C-alpha atoms as a PDB file:
ATOM      1  CA  MET A   1       0.000   0.000   0.000  1.00  0.00           C
ATOM      2  CA  ARG A   2       2.874   2.354   0.806  1.00  0.00           C
ATOM      3  CA  LEU A   3       4.403   1.830  -2.630  1.00  0.00           C
ATOM      4  CA  LEU A   4       1.045   2.433  -4.318  1.00  0.00           C
ATOM      5  CA  LEU A   5       0.628   5.720  -2.471  1.00  0.00           C
ATOM      6  CA  LEU A   6       4.154   6.967  -3.232  1.00  0.00           C
ATOM      7  CA  PRO A   7       3.425   8.489  -6.689  1.00  0.00           C
ATOM      8  CA  ALA A   8       0.402  10.315  -5.310  1.00  0.00           C
ATOM      9  CA  LEU A   9       2.431  11.632  -2.402  1.00  0.00           C
ATOM     10  CA  LEU A  10       5.175  12.843  -4.703  1.00  0.00           C
ATOM     11  CA  LEU A  11       2.668  14.511  -7.016  1.00  0.00           C
ATOM     12  CA  ALA A  12       0.911  16.229  -4.130  1.00  0.00           C
ATOM     13  CA  SER A  13       4.221  17.503  -2.796  1.00  0.00           C
ATOM     14  CA  VAL A  14       5.326  19.278  -5.974  1.00  0.00           C
ATOM     15  CA  PRO A  15       5.267  23.021  -5.216  1.00  0.00           C
ATOM     16  CA  GLY A  16       2.208  24.637  -6.723  1.00  0.00           C
ATOM     17  CA  THR A  17       0.148  21.435  -7.147  1.00  0.00           C
ATOM     18  CA  ALA A  18      -1.209  21.007  -3.607  1.00  0.00           C
ATOM     19  CA  ALA A  19      -0.553  21.830   0.020  1.00  0.00           C
ATOM     20  CA  ARG A  20       2.635  20.286   1.331  1.00  0.00           C
ATOM     21  CA  PRO A  21       1.881  17.300   3.572  1.00  0.00           C
ATOM     22  CA  SER A  22       2.680  17.663   7.262  1.00  0.00           C
ATOM     23  CA  VAL A  23       4.683  14.822   8.811  1.00  0.00           C
ATOM     24  CA  PRO A  24       5.584  14.202  12.464  1.00  0.00           C
ATOM     25  CA  ILE A  25       8.850  15.657  13.654  1.00  0.00           C
ATOM     26  CA  SER A  26      11.756  13.151  13.687  1.00  0.00           C
ATOM     27  CA  HIS A  27      10.161  11.019  10.937  1.00  0.00           C
ATOM     28  CA  PHE A  28      12.344  10.525   7.873  1.00  0.00           C
ATOM     29  CA  GLN A  29      10.942  11.058   4.404  1.00  0.00           C
ATOM     30  CA  THR A  30      12.558   9.158   1.515  1.00  0.00           C
ATOM     31  CA  TRP A  31      13.341  10.616  -1.898  1.00  0.00           C
ATOM     32  CA  LEU A  32      14.108   8.209  -4.757  1.00  0.00           C
ATOM     33  CA  PRO A  33      16.214   9.474  -7.686  1.00  0.00           C
ATOM     34  CA  SER A  34      14.363   7.082  -9.990  1.00  0.00           C
ATOM     35  CA  SER A  35      11.120   8.988  -9.339  1.00  0.00           C
ATOM     36  CA  ARG A  36      12.630  12.052 -11.087  1.00  0.00           C
ATOM     37  CA  ALA A  37      10.041  14.056  -9.110  1.00  0.00           C
ATOM     38  CA  ALA A  38      10.162  16.884  -6.646  1.00  0.00           C
ATOM     39  CA  MET A  39       9.037  16.333  -3.064  1.00  0.00           C
ATOM     40  CA  ALA A  40       8.132  18.705  -0.232  1.00  0.00           C
ATOM     41  CA  PHE A  41       6.803  18.437   3.306  1.00  0.00           C
ATOM     42  CA  THR A  42       6.474  20.413   6.521  1.00  0.00           C
ATOM     43  CA  SER A  43       7.484  19.228   9.978  1.00  0.00           C
ATOM     44  CA  GLY A  44       7.879  21.086  13.254  1.00  0.00           C
ATOM     45  CA  GLY A  45       7.335  24.450  11.561  1.00  0.00           C
ATOM     46  CA  VAL A  46      10.056  23.757   8.973  1.00  0.00           C
ATOM     47  CA  THR A  47       9.451  23.259   5.242  1.00  0.00           C
ATOM     48  CA  VAL A  48      11.727  20.916   3.295  1.00  0.00           C
ATOM     49  CA  GLU A  49      11.786  20.932  -0.521  1.00  0.00           C
ATOM     50  CA  VAL A  50      13.629  18.280  -2.530  1.00  0.00           C
ATOM     51  CA  ALA A  51      14.296  18.987  -6.217  1.00  0.00           C
ATOM     52  CA  PRO A  52      16.137  16.552  -8.533  1.00  0.00           C
ATOM     53  CA  LEU A  53      19.139  18.072 -10.243  1.00  0.00           C
ATOM     54  CA  PRO A  54      19.270  17.915 -14.047  1.00  0.00           C
ATOM     55  CA  CYS A  55      21.932  15.827 -15.704  1.00  0.00           C
ATOM     56  CA  PRO A  56      25.001  17.799 -16.767  1.00  0.00           C
ATOM     57  CA  ALA A  57      26.013  17.914 -20.418  1.00  0.00           C
ATOM     58  CA  HIS A  58      29.091  15.815 -19.651  1.00  0.00           C
ATOM     59  CA  PRO A  59      28.359  13.510 -16.677  1.00  0.00           C
ATOM     60  CA  GLN A  60      31.266  12.835 -14.375  1.00  0.00           C
ATOM     61  CA  GLY A  61      31.771  10.143 -11.742  1.00  0.00           C
ATOM     62  CA  ASP A  62      29.429   7.324 -10.835  1.00  0.00           C
ATOM     63  CA  GLY A  63      26.153   9.271 -10.766  1.00  0.00           C
ATOM     64  CA  GLY A  64      23.062   8.030 -12.567  1.00  0.00           C
ATOM     65  CA  CYS A  65      23.327  10.441 -15.506  1.00  0.00           C
ATOM     66  CA  SER A  66      25.693   8.310 -17.539  1.00  0.00           C
ATOM     67  CA  GLY A  67      23.949   5.016 -16.798  1.00  0.00           C
ATOM     68  CA  ASP A  68      20.263   5.595 -16.063  1.00  0.00           C
ATOM     69  CA  GLY A  69      19.795   8.953 -17.713  1.00  0.00           C
ATOM     70  CA  TYR A  70      18.771  10.780 -14.552  1.00  0.00           C
ATOM     71  CA  ASN A  71      20.724  12.444 -11.756  1.00  0.00           C
ATOM     72  CA  ASN A  72      21.097  10.676  -8.421  1.00  0.00           C
ATOM     73  CA  GLN A  73      21.560  14.047  -6.755  1.00  0.00           C
ATOM     74  CA  ALA A  74      18.941  16.405  -5.406  1.00  0.00           C
ATOM     75  CA  ARG A  75      18.949  19.885  -3.959  1.00  0.00           C
ATOM     76  CA  VAL A  76      17.381  20.001  -0.496  1.00  0.00           C
ATOM     77  CA  THR A  77      16.131  23.439   0.581  1.00  0.00           C
ATOM     78  CA  VAL A  78      15.094  24.168   4.159  1.00  0.00           C
ATOM     79  CA  ARG A  79      12.765  27.078   5.002  1.00  0.00           C
ATOM     80  CA  ALA A  80      11.453  28.400   8.320  1.00  0.00           C
ATOM     81  CA  VAL A  81       9.813  31.628   9.455  1.00  0.00           C
ATOM     82  CA  GLY A  82      12.422  34.302  10.163  1.00  0.00           C
ATOM     83  CA  VAL A  83      15.247  32.109   8.842  1.00  0.00           C
ATOM     84  CA  PRO A  84      17.003  32.553   5.478  1.00  0.00           C
ATOM     85  CA  PRO A  85      16.443  29.475   3.273  1.00  0.00           C
ATOM     86  CA  LEU A  86      19.402  27.114   3.061  1.00  0.00           C
ATOM     87  CA  SER A  87      20.127  24.540   0.349  1.00  0.00           C
ATOM     88  CA  VAL A  88      22.424  21.527   0.391  1.00  0.00           C
ATOM     89  CA  THR A  89      23.085  18.871  -2.249  1.00  0.00           C
ATOM     90  CA  THR A  90      22.831  15.137  -1.632  1.00  0.00           C
ATOM     91  CA  ASP A  91      25.688  12.824  -2.548  1.00  0.00           C
ATOM     92  CA  ARG A  92      25.895  12.035  -6.269  1.00  0.00           C
ATOM     93  CA  GLN A  93      26.430   8.290  -5.729  1.00  0.00           C
ATOM     94  CA  SER A  94      23.466   7.668  -3.455  1.00  0.00           C
ATOM     95  CA  GLY A  95      20.603   5.374  -4.363  1.00  0.00           C
ATOM     96  CA  TYR A  96      18.181   7.374  -2.229  1.00  0.00           C
ATOM     97  CA  ALA A  97      18.035  10.193   0.311  1.00  0.00           C
ATOM     98  CA  ARG A  98      16.229  10.474   3.647  1.00  0.00           C
ATOM     99  CA  ILE A  99      15.397  13.762   5.326  1.00  0.00           C
ATOM    100  CA  ALA A 100      13.982  14.466   8.785  1.00  0.00           C
ATOM    101  CA  VAL A 101      13.321  17.554  10.879  1.00  0.00           C
ATOM    102  CA  VAL A 102      14.556  16.902  14.435  1.00  0.00           C
ATOM    103  CA  ARG A 103      15.309  18.653  17.711  1.00  0.00           C
ATOM    104  CA  PHE A 104      18.869  17.740  18.587  1.00  0.00           C
ATOM    105  CA  ARG A 105      18.257  18.880  22.160  1.00  0.00           C
ATOM    106  CA  ARG A 106      14.936  18.814  23.994  1.00  0.00           C
ATOM    107  CA  SER A 107      15.206  22.503  24.918  1.00  0.00           C
ATOM    108  CA  ASP A 108      16.079  23.774  21.418  1.00  0.00           C
ATOM    109  CA  PRO A 109      13.670  26.602  20.459  1.00  0.00           C
ATOM    110  CA  ARG A 110      13.577  25.463  16.824  1.00  0.00           C
ATOM    111  CA  PRO A 111      14.481  22.181  15.156  1.00  0.00           C
ATOM    112  CA  GLY A 112      17.305  21.278  12.827  1.00  0.00           C
ATOM    113  CA  VAL A 113      17.382  18.934   9.845  1.00  0.00           C
ATOM    114  CA  ILE A 114      19.192  15.704   8.952  1.00  0.00           C
ATOM    115  CA  VAL A 115      19.888  14.958   5.274  1.00  0.00           C
ATOM    116  CA  GLU A 116      21.024  11.347   4.875  1.00  0.00           C
ATOM    117  CA  SER A 117      22.301  10.119   1.493  1.00  0.00           C
ATOM    118  CA  GLN A 118      22.299   6.328   1.320  1.00  0.00           C
ATOM    119  CA  SER A 119      24.029   4.207  -1.301  1.00  0.00           C
ATOM    120  CA  GLY A 120      22.120   1.024  -0.537  1.00  0.00           C
ATOM    121  CA  GLY A 121      23.695  -2.340  -1.321  1.00  0.00           C
ATOM    122  CA  SER A 122      25.126  -4.803   1.189  1.00  0.00           C
ATOM    123  CA  GLY A 123      27.011  -2.133   3.119  1.00  0.00           C
ATOM    124  CA  GLY A 124      24.754   0.873   2.798  1.00  0.00           C
ATOM    125  CA  ASN A 125      27.410   3.607   2.884  1.00  0.00           C
ATOM    126  CA  LEU A 126      26.226   6.944   4.193  1.00  0.00           C
ATOM    127  CA  SER A 127      26.870  10.609   3.685  1.00  0.00           C
ATOM    128  CA  VAL A 128      25.045  12.640   6.334  1.00  0.00           C
ATOM    129  CA  GLN A 129      24.630  16.412   6.520  1.00  0.00           C
ATOM    130  CA  VAL A 130      23.377  17.897   9.774  1.00  0.00           C
ATOM    131  CA  LEU A 131      21.731  21.326   9.589  1.00  0.00           C
ATOM    132  CA  VAL A 132      22.072  22.780  13.074  1.00  0.00           C
ATOM    133  CA  PRO A 133      20.198  25.938  14.185  1.00  0.00           C
ATOM    134  CA  SER A 134      22.738  28.735  14.597  1.00  0.00           C
ATOM    135  CA  GLY A 135      21.659  32.296  15.346  1.00  0.00           C
ATOM    136  CA  THR A 136      19.074  33.238  12.733  1.00  0.00           C
ATOM    137  CA  GLY A 137      20.106  30.529  10.289  1.00  0.00           C
ATOM    138  CA  TYR A 138      21.563  27.052   9.994  1.00  0.00           C
ATOM    139  CA  ARG A 139      25.085  25.692  10.130  1.00  0.00           C
ATOM    140  CA  VAL A 140      25.871  22.641   7.988  1.00  0.00           C
ATOM    141  CA  LEU A 141      27.954  19.902   9.608  1.00  0.00           C
ATOM    142  CA  PRO A 142      29.075  16.703   7.837  1.00  0.00           C
ATOM    143  CA  LEU A 143      28.757  13.315   9.525  1.00  0.00           C
ATOM    144  CA  GLY A 144      30.747  10.566   7.850  1.00  0.00           C
ATOM    145  CA  SER A 145      31.691  10.216   4.208  1.00  0.00           C
ATOM    146  CA  LEU A 146      30.240   8.101   1.433  1.00  0.00           C
ATOM    147  CA  GLN A 147      33.597   7.976  -0.319  1.00  0.00           C
ATOM    148  CA  GLY A 148      35.388   6.888   2.853  1.00  0.00           C
ATOM    149  CA  GLY A 149      32.763   4.285   3.713  1.00  0.00           C
ATOM    150  CA  LEU A 150      33.067   5.243   7.376  1.00  0.00           C
ATOM    151  CA  LEU A 151      29.411   5.003   8.357  1.00  0.00           C
ATOM    152  CA  GLN A 152      26.693   2.608   7.279  1.00  0.00           C
ATOM    153  CA  GLY A 153      23.119   1.656   8.088  1.00  0.00           C
ATOM    154  CA  GLU A 154      20.552   4.398   8.548  1.00  0.00           C
ATOM    155  CA  ILE A 155      19.322   6.687  11.302  1.00  0.00           C
ATOM    156  CA  ALA A 156      16.047   5.326  12.659  1.00  0.00           C
ATOM    157  CA  ASP A 157      12.841   7.322  12.979  1.00  0.00           C
ATOM    158  CA  ASP A 158      12.306   9.076  16.313  1.00  0.00           C
ATOM    159  CA  PRO A 159      15.926   9.059  17.537  1.00  0.00           C
ATOM    160  CA  ARG A 160      15.934   9.208  21.334  1.00  0.00           C
ATOM    161  CA  ASP A 161      18.153  10.473  24.113  1.00  0.00           C
ATOM    162  CA  LEU A 162      19.818   7.187  25.033  1.00  0.00           C
ATOM    163  CA  SER A 163      22.336   8.559  27.546  1.00  0.00           C
ATOM    164  CA  GLY A 164      20.010  10.865  29.486  1.00  0.00           C
ATOM    165  CA  ASP A 165      21.995  14.047  28.814  1.00  0.00           C
ATOM    166  CA  GLY A 166      19.188  15.901  27.026  1.00  0.00           C
ATOM    167  CA  PHE A 167      20.513  15.383  23.474  1.00  0.00           C
ATOM    168  CA  ILE A 168      19.189  12.822  21.003  1.00  0.00           C
ATOM    169  CA  ASP A 169      21.590  10.063  19.988  1.00  0.00           C
ATOM    170  CA  LEU A 170      22.061   9.016  16.365  1.00  0.00           C
ATOM    171  CA  THR A 171      22.878   5.318  16.070  1.00  0.00           C
ATOM    172  CA  LEU A 172      24.752   4.048  13.004  1.00  0.00           C
ATOM    173  CA  ARG A 173      27.175   1.280  12.060  1.00  0.00           C
ATOM    174  CA  ASP A 174      30.957   1.343  11.638  1.00  0.00           C
ATOM    175  CA  GLY A 175      31.694   0.704   7.961  1.00  0.00           C
ATOM    176  CA  ALA A 176      35.407   0.236   8.624  1.00  0.00           C
ATOM    177  CA  PHE A 177      34.683  -3.455   9.307  1.00  0.00           C
ATOM    178  CA  GLY A 178      33.400  -4.195   5.800  1.00  0.00           C
ATOM    179  CA  ASN A 179      35.438  -6.779   3.844  1.00  0.00           C
ATOM    180  CA  ILE A 180      38.053  -6.971   6.616  1.00  0.00           C
ATOM    181  CA  PHE A 181      37.158 -10.296   8.249  1.00  0.00           C
ATOM    182  CA  GLY A 182      34.954 -12.012   5.690  1.00  0.00           C
ATOM    183  CA  CYS A 183      32.634 -11.039   2.867  1.00  0.00           C
ATOM    184  CA  ASN A 184      31.039  -7.590   2.924  1.00  0.00           C
ATOM    185  CA  ALA A 185      27.439  -8.803   3.038  1.00  0.00           C
ATOM    186  CA  CYS A 186      28.008 -11.368   5.801  1.00  0.00           C
ATOM    187  CA  THR A 187      30.166  -9.207   8.105  1.00  0.00           C
ATOM    188  CA  PRO A 188      28.209  -7.443  10.862  1.00  0.00           C
ATOM    189  CA  ARG A 189      29.163  -3.886  11.795  1.00  0.00           C
ATOM    190  CA  PRO A 190      29.519  -2.697  15.390  1.00  0.00           C
ATOM    191  CA  LEU A 191      27.601   0.337  16.607  1.00  0.00           C
ATOM    192  CA  ARG A 192      28.680   3.960  16.622  1.00  0.00           C
ATOM    193  CA  VAL A 193      26.611   6.608  18.405  1.00  0.00           C
ATOM    194  CA  PHE A 194      26.686  10.352  17.688  1.00  0.00           C
ATOM    195  CA  ALA A 195      25.085  13.474  19.145  1.00  0.00           C
ATOM    196  CA  VAL A 196      24.968  17.107  18.046  1.00  0.00           C
ATOM    197  CA  LYS A 197      26.165  19.338  20.885  1.00  0.00           C
ATOM    198  CA  ASN A 198      27.079  23.011  20.895  1.00  0.00           C
ATOM    199  CA  GLY A 199      27.247  23.189  17.108  1.00  0.00           C
ATOM    200  CA  ARG A 200      29.412  20.078  16.732  1.00  0.00           C
ATOM    201  CA  VAL A 201      28.863  16.427  15.884  1.00  0.00           C
ATOM    202  CA  ILE A 202      30.323  14.354  18.728  1.00  0.00           C
ATOM    203  CA  ASP A 203      31.109  10.617  18.690  1.00  0.00           C
ATOM    204  CA  GLU A 204      29.489   9.506  21.956  1.00  0.00           C
ATOM    205  CA  SER A 205      30.392   5.823  21.611  1.00  0.00           C
ATOM    206  CA  ARG A 206      32.738   5.856  24.622  1.00  0.00           C
ATOM    207  CA  ASP A 207      30.144   7.385  26.973  1.00  0.00           C
ATOM    208  CA  PRO A 208      29.660   4.912  29.872  1.00  0.00           C
ATOM    209  CA  ALA A 209      25.961   5.841  29.921  1.00  0.00           C
ATOM    210  CA  LEU A 210      25.595   4.138  26.528  1.00  0.00           C
ATOM    211  CA  ARG A 211      27.082   0.809  27.631  1.00  0.00           C
ATOM    212  CA  PRO A 212      23.683  -0.954  27.722  1.00  0.00           C
ATOM    213  CA  ILE A 213      23.190  -0.119  24.017  1.00  0.00           C
ATOM    214  CA  PHE A 214      26.448  -1.824  23.092  1.00  0.00           C
ATOM    215  CA  ALA A 215      25.732  -4.759  25.430  1.00  0.00           C
ATOM    216  CA  ALA A 216      22.442  -5.297  23.612  1.00  0.00           C
ATOM    217  CA  ASP A 217      24.274  -5.311  20.275  1.00  0.00           C
ATOM    218  CA  MET A 218      26.724  -7.871  21.691  1.00  0.00           C
ATOM    219  CA  ALA A 219      23.737 -10.113  22.418  1.00  0.00           C
ATOM    220  CA  ARG A 220      22.711  -9.774  18.766  1.00  0.00           C
ATOM    221  CA  LEU A 221      26.168 -10.863  17.588  1.00  0.00           C
ATOM    222  CA  ALA A 222      26.921 -13.554  20.173  1.00  0.00           C
ATOM    223  CA  PRO A 223      24.941 -16.453  18.622  1.00  0.00           C
ATOM    224  CA  PHE A 224      26.974 -16.233  15.385  1.00  0.00           C
ATOM    225  CA  CYS A 225      30.387 -15.479  16.902  1.00  0.00           C
ATOM    226  CA  LEU A 226      30.105 -18.174  19.573  1.00  0.00           C
ATOM    227  CA  SER A 227      28.769 -20.810  17.185  1.00  0.00           C
ATOM    228  CA  GLY A 228      30.499 -23.397  15.066  1.00  0.00           C
ATOM    229  CA  GLU A 229      29.310 -21.861  11.798  1.00  0.00           C
ATOM    230  CA  SER A 230      31.742 -21.077   9.025  1.00  0.00           C
ATOM    231  CA  GLY A 231      32.441 -17.389   8.409  1.00  0.00           C
ATOM    232  CA  ARG A 232      31.871 -16.330  12.023  1.00  0.00           C
ATOM    233  CA  ASN A 233      35.087 -14.329  12.427  1.00  0.00           C
ATOM    234  CA  GLY A 234      33.528 -11.125  11.120  1.00  0.00           C
ATOM    235  CA  ALA A 235      30.832 -11.384  13.787  1.00  0.00           C
ATOM    236  CA  CYS A 236      33.525 -12.009  16.401  1.00  0.00           C
ATOM    237  CA  ALA A 237      35.353  -8.843  15.324  1.00  0.00           C
ATOM    238  CA  ALA A 238      32.190  -6.755  15.739  1.00  0.00           C
ATOM    239  CA  TYR A 239      31.395  -8.574  18.995  1.00  0.00           C
ATOM    240  CA  VAL A 240      34.735  -7.631  20.544  1.00  0.00           C
ATOM    241  CA  ALA A 241      34.470  -4.062  19.222  1.00  0.00           C
ATOM    242  CA  ASP A 242      31.052  -3.651  20.873  1.00  0.00           C
ATOM    243  CA  ALA A 243      32.485  -5.164  24.049  1.00  0.00           C
ATOM    244  CA  THR A 244      35.096  -2.417  24.341  1.00  0.00           C
ATOM    245  CA  ARG A 245      32.266   0.150  24.403  1.00  0.00           C
ATOM    246  CA  ALA A 246      30.169  -1.962  26.789  1.00  0.00           C
ATOM    247  CA  GLY A 247      32.978  -2.304  29.338  1.00  0.00           C
ATOM    248  CA  ARG A 248      33.213  -6.058  28.715  1.00  0.00           C
ATOM    249  CA  PHE A 249      36.401  -6.313  26.693  1.00  0.00           C
ATOM    250  CA  ARG A 250      38.273  -8.953  28.716  1.00  0.00           C
ATOM    251  CA  PRO A 251      35.536 -11.649  28.826  1.00  0.00           C
ATOM    252  CA  ALA A 252      34.601 -10.988  25.196  1.00  0.00           C
ATOM    253  CA  TRP A 253      38.214 -11.382  24.080  1.00  0.00           C
ATOM    254  CA  ALA A 254      38.457 -14.667  25.992  1.00  0.00           C
ATOM    255  CA  GLN A 255      35.245 -15.900  24.349  1.00  0.00           C
ATOM    256  CA  MET A 256      36.564 -14.936  20.921  1.00  0.00           C
ATOM    257  CA  LEU A 257      39.794 -16.883  21.538  1.00  0.00           C
ATOM    258  CA  ALA A 258      37.739 -19.953  22.419  1.00  0.00           C
ATOM    259  CA  HIS A 259      35.390 -19.785  19.439  1.00  0.00           C
ATOM    260  CA  TYR A 260      37.029 -18.119  16.422  1.00  0.00           C
ATOM    261  CA  GLU A 261      37.491 -20.028  13.185  1.00  0.00           C
ATOM    262  CA  ARG A 262      41.111 -21.095  12.834  1.00  0.00           C
ATOM    263  CA  GLY A 263      43.089 -20.398   9.696  1.00  0.00           C
ATOM    264  CA  ARG A 264      40.555 -17.931   8.271  1.00  0.00           C
ATOM    265  CA  ASP A 265      40.068 -14.194   7.741  1.00  0.00           C
ATOM    266  CA  ILE A 266      43.489 -12.858   8.631  1.00  0.00           C
ATOM    267  CA  TRP A 267      43.608  -9.116   7.961  1.00  0.00           C
ATOM    268  CA  GLN A 268      46.844  -7.940   6.390  1.00  0.00           C
ATOM    269  CA  PRO A 269      47.450  -4.149   6.212  1.00  0.00           C
ATOM    270  CA  ASP A 270      49.026  -2.584   3.150  1.00  0.00           C
ATOM    271  CA  GLN A 271      52.097  -1.728   5.205  1.00  0.00           C
ATOM    272  CA  GLY A 272      53.553  -3.057   8.444  1.00  0.00           C
ATOM    273  CA  PRO A 273      53.906  -6.552   9.919  1.00  0.00           C
ATOM    274  CA  ARG A 274      52.188  -9.611   8.481  1.00  0.00           C
ATOM    275  CA  PHE A 275      49.943 -11.504  10.858  1.00  0.00           C
ATOM    276  CA  ARG A 276      49.747 -15.238  11.403  1.00  0.00           C
ATOM    277  CA  SER A 277      46.326 -15.616  12.997  1.00  0.00           C
ATOM    278  CA  PHE A 278      42.911 -14.013  13.218  1.00  0.00           C
ATOM    279  CA  PRO A 279      43.347 -12.875  16.879  1.00  0.00           C
ATOM    280  CA  GLU A 280      46.699 -11.290  16.062  1.00  0.00           C
ATOM    281  CA  SER A 281      45.315  -9.393  13.106  1.00  0.00           C
ATOM    282  CA  LEU A 282      42.098  -8.477  14.981  1.00  0.00           C
ATOM    283  CA  ARG A 283      44.135  -6.894  17.765  1.00  0.00           C
ATOM    284  CA  ALA A 284      46.061  -4.755  15.265  1.00  0.00           C
ATOM    285  CA  PHE A 285      42.868  -3.754  13.465  1.00  0.00           C
ATOM    286  CA  LEU A 286      41.076  -2.792  16.680  1.00  0.00           C
ATOM    287  CA  ILE A 287      44.038  -0.604  17.646  1.00  0.00           C
ATOM    288  CA  GLN A 288      43.999   1.076  14.235  1.00  0.00           C
ATOM    289  CA  ALA A 289      40.221   1.601  14.369  1.00  0.00           C
ATOM    290  CA  GLY A 290      40.366   3.092  17.871  1.00  0.00           C
ATOM    291  CA  TYR A 291      38.693   0.249  19.760  1.00  0.00           C
ATOM    292  CA  TRP A 292      41.524  -1.433  21.663  1.00  0.00           C
ATOM    293  CA  PRO A 293      41.272  -0.361  25.331  1.00  0.00           C
ATOM    294  CA  SER A 294      44.040   2.086  26.240  1.00  0.00           C
ATOM    295  CA  ASN A 295      44.571   0.443  29.653  1.00  0.00           C
ATOM    296  CA  SER A 296      45.071  -3.072  28.284  1.00  0.00           C
ATOM    297  CA  SER A 297      48.184  -4.894  29.405  1.00  0.00           C
ATOM    298  CA  PRO A 298      49.448  -8.493  29.348  1.00  0.00           C
ATOM    299  CA  GLU A 299      48.580  -8.854  33.040  1.00  0.00           C
ATOM    300  CA  ARG A 300      44.993  -7.774  32.421  1.00  0.00           C
ATOM    301  CA  GLY A 301      44.446  -9.882  29.328  1.00  0.00           C
ATOM    302  CA  GLY A 302      45.217  -7.133  26.831  1.00  0.00           C
ATOM    303  CA  GLY A 303      48.625  -8.218  25.634  1.00  0.00           C
ATOM    304  CA  ARG A 304      49.622  -9.972  22.431  1.00  0.00           C
ATOM    305  CA  PRO A 305      46.895 -12.557  21.823  1.00  0.00           C
ATOM    306  CA  LYS A 306      47.760 -16.150  21.175  1.00  0.00           C
ATOM    307  CA  ALA A 307      46.442 -18.039  18.188  1.00  0.00           C
END
């Protein structure tokens, strides 16, 4: 039913054809490049207009112009009373875009906007632009990079304050784990949590108040990592990464050593030492990715792991 209503919604949202639909604050609206249609909506006193960009005369890069004949990019314009309109452009490689009007802090007098460009596919690389209220306008802050593949997944509707500090938390996945310890589609990604505070995007993943969120994600990953199934090392990597944020690194590392698949999925960096085992390479990768606990030592179970 939702798919059947989509063309009507898009038609109704074209400026000049009908009143713009009103949607609840913090609910994402999806724009599909393949629709080739404009879209508009209001939420929390803010109007958002999405207009597809025309194809250039000489298409460059991996956008849809050269292959599908239409542009994957759109111009997103945000309007509010007493605020100059602001436009941003979605990523040219994205398969779709999602936009939501949100209050980054409960006490904010007016909301901001999240523009999420999503590539789709097995990884779902993201490029996120955060429009933060600043004075009488908006300030645009980037979150992640589609080209770098740093963030994946998607921000869920109605993001909540998970830590209790008054700011909503944006939960995504760490794309750095893709294709490192197994195939891209079958490798889970650990969580990363962000918040917008004082005009900046902050990685809140190390906040002790968020430990229950990472513990819950460990429970999601445990059945695969601690099983006898082939290809489980990727899940074990994400399991240990979540454990460092949940304050459970030592027992999780011990469980990984007891259950990992021998002789498989050894990460080898472009430069530096060559590793002989999955635990050895996982340790080096977790250090590089910023997960390895800084207070680890051989006496506390954080030294050089044994195969």
